[in-house]
Amino acid sequence: MKNYLEAIDQLRRNIRFFGNKKGFKNDDGVVIRANNLISEAISKLEDEFKRLLSSYRFVFNVVDF
């Protein structure tokens, strides 16, 4: 998981890098692809978070407070 989050962070740094270069625009293929990858990565993180919540729901329902 740590490497996955580091990869997302690297993508964000790459987007900032290319966004600050005069020869690149936000609509250039490199930036578009990086943004698409970040969107996909965040979607997968959301799915995993939902899965984890669902798997632990039983544990919390069993515990009597």
C-alpha atoms as a PDB file:
ATOM      1  CA  MET A   1       0.000   0.000   0.000  1.00  0.00           C
ATOM      2  CA  LYS A   2       2.839   2.381   0.840  1.00  0.00           C
ATOM      3  CA  ASN A   3       4.385   1.951  -2.618  1.00  0.00           C
ATOM      4  CA  TYR A   4       0.983   2.533  -4.214  1.00  0.00           C
ATOM      5  CA  LEU A   5       0.549   5.830  -2.379  1.00  0.00           C
ATOM      6  CA  GLU A   6       4.117   6.827  -3.231  1.00  0.00           C
ATOM      7  CA  ALA A   7       3.379   6.167  -6.917  1.00  0.00           C
ATOM      8  CA  ILE A   8       0.318   8.416  -6.743  1.00  0.00           C
ATOM      9  CA  ASP A   9       2.405  11.112  -5.090  1.00  0.00           C
ATOM     10  CA  GLN A  10       5.033  10.769  -7.828  1.00  0.00           C
ATOM     11  CA  LEU A  11       2.343  11.184 -10.485  1.00  0.00           C
ATOM     12  CA  ARG A  12       1.187  14.384  -8.807  1.00  0.00           C
ATOM     13  CA  ARG A  13       4.753  15.706  -8.735  1.00  0.00           C
ATOM     14  CA  ASN A  14       5.123  14.848 -12.427  1.00  0.00           C
ATOM     15  CA  ILE A  15       1.933  16.734 -13.277  1.00  0.00           C
ATOM     16  CA  ARG A  16       3.185  19.799 -11.376  1.00  0.00           C
ATOM     17  CA  PHE A  17       6.579  19.498 -13.100  1.00  0.00           C
ATOM     18  CA  PHE A  18       5.116  19.319 -16.587  1.00  0.00           C
ATOM     19  CA  GLY A  19       2.502  21.950 -15.758  1.00  0.00           C
ATOM     20  CA  ASN A  20       5.268  24.415 -14.867  1.00  0.00           C
ATOM     21  CA  LYS A  21       7.168  23.847 -18.118  1.00  0.00           C
ATOM     22  CA  LYS A  22       6.493  26.358 -20.884  1.00  0.00           C
ATOM     23  CA  GLY A  23       6.477  23.697 -23.602  1.00  0.00           C
ATOM     24  CA  PHE A  24       3.743  21.642 -21.942  1.00  0.00           C
ATOM     25  CA  LYS A  25       0.115  22.509 -21.459  1.00  0.00           C
ATOM     26  CA  ASN A  26      -2.508  20.872 -19.267  1.00  0.00           C
ATOM     27  CA  ASP A  27      -4.063  19.397 -22.391  1.00  0.00           C
ATOM     28  CA  ASP A  28      -0.832  17.676 -23.486  1.00  0.00           C
ATOM     29  CA  GLY A  29      -1.014  13.887 -23.650  1.00  0.00           C
ATOM     30  CA  VAL A  30       1.483  13.330 -20.837  1.00  0.00           C
ATOM     31  CA  VAL A  31      -0.481  15.426 -18.351  1.00  0.00           C
ATOM     32  CA  ILE A  32      -3.822  13.985 -19.459  1.00  0.00           C
ATOM     33  CA  ARG A  33      -2.549  10.439 -19.046  1.00  0.00           C
ATOM     34  CA  ALA A  34      -1.083  11.206 -15.621  1.00  0.00           C
ATOM     35  CA  ASN A  35      -4.387  12.751 -14.497  1.00  0.00           C
ATOM     36  CA  ASN A  36      -6.258   9.687 -15.776  1.00  0.00           C
ATOM     37  CA  LEU A  37      -3.898   7.407 -13.857  1.00  0.00           C
ATOM     38  CA  ILE A  38      -4.468   9.388 -10.671  1.00  0.00           C
ATOM     39  CA  SER A  39      -8.231   9.149 -11.150  1.00  0.00           C
ATOM     40  CA  GLU A  40      -7.982   5.392 -11.625  1.00  0.00           C
ATOM     41  CA  ALA A  41      -5.707   5.041  -8.593  1.00  0.00           C
ATOM     42  CA  ILE A  42      -8.055   7.023  -6.371  1.00  0.00           C
ATOM     43  CA  SER A  43     -10.994   4.957  -7.567  1.00  0.00           C
ATOM     44  CA  LYS A  44      -9.148   1.759  -6.660  1.00  0.00           C
ATOM     45  CA  LEU A  45      -8.288   3.195  -3.233  1.00  0.00           C
ATOM     46  CA  GLU A  46     -11.957   4.026  -2.661  1.00  0.00           C
ATOM     47  CA  ASP A  47     -12.963   0.499  -3.658  1.00  0.00           C
ATOM     48  CA  GLU A  48     -10.398  -0.986  -1.292  1.00  0.00           C
ATOM     49  CA  PHE A  49     -11.527   1.274   1.541  1.00  0.00           C
ATOM     50  CA  LYS A  50     -15.154   0.227   1.007  1.00  0.00           C
ATOM     51  CA  ARG A  51     -14.102  -3.421   0.955  1.00  0.00           C
ATOM     52  CA  LEU A  52     -12.209  -3.001   4.215  1.00  0.00           C
ATOM     53  CA  LEU A  53     -15.110  -1.217   5.860  1.00  0.00           C
ATOM     54  CA  SER A  54     -17.435  -3.964   4.743  1.00  0.00           C
ATOM     55  CA  SER A  55     -15.155  -6.705   6.037  1.00  0.00           C
ATOM     56  CA  TYR A  56     -14.850  -5.051   9.467  1.00  0.00           C
ATOM     57  CA  ARG A  57     -18.543  -4.201   9.746  1.00  0.00           C
ATOM     58  CA  PHE A  58     -19.245  -7.647  11.195  1.00  0.00           C
ATOM     59  CA  VAL A  59     -16.600  -7.166  13.885  1.00  0.00           C
ATOM     60  CA  PHE A  60     -18.134  -3.862  14.998  1.00  0.00           C
ATOM     61  CA  ASN A  61     -21.684  -5.229  14.934  1.00  0.00           C
ATOM     62  CA  VAL A  62     -20.729  -8.127  17.202  1.00  0.00           C
ATOM     63  CA  VAL A  63     -19.084  -5.970  19.866  1.00  0.00           C
ATOM     64  CA  ASP A  64     -21.592  -4.828  22.486  1.00  0.00           C
ATOM     65  CA  PHE A  65     -20.824  -1.401  23.907  1.00  0.00           C
END
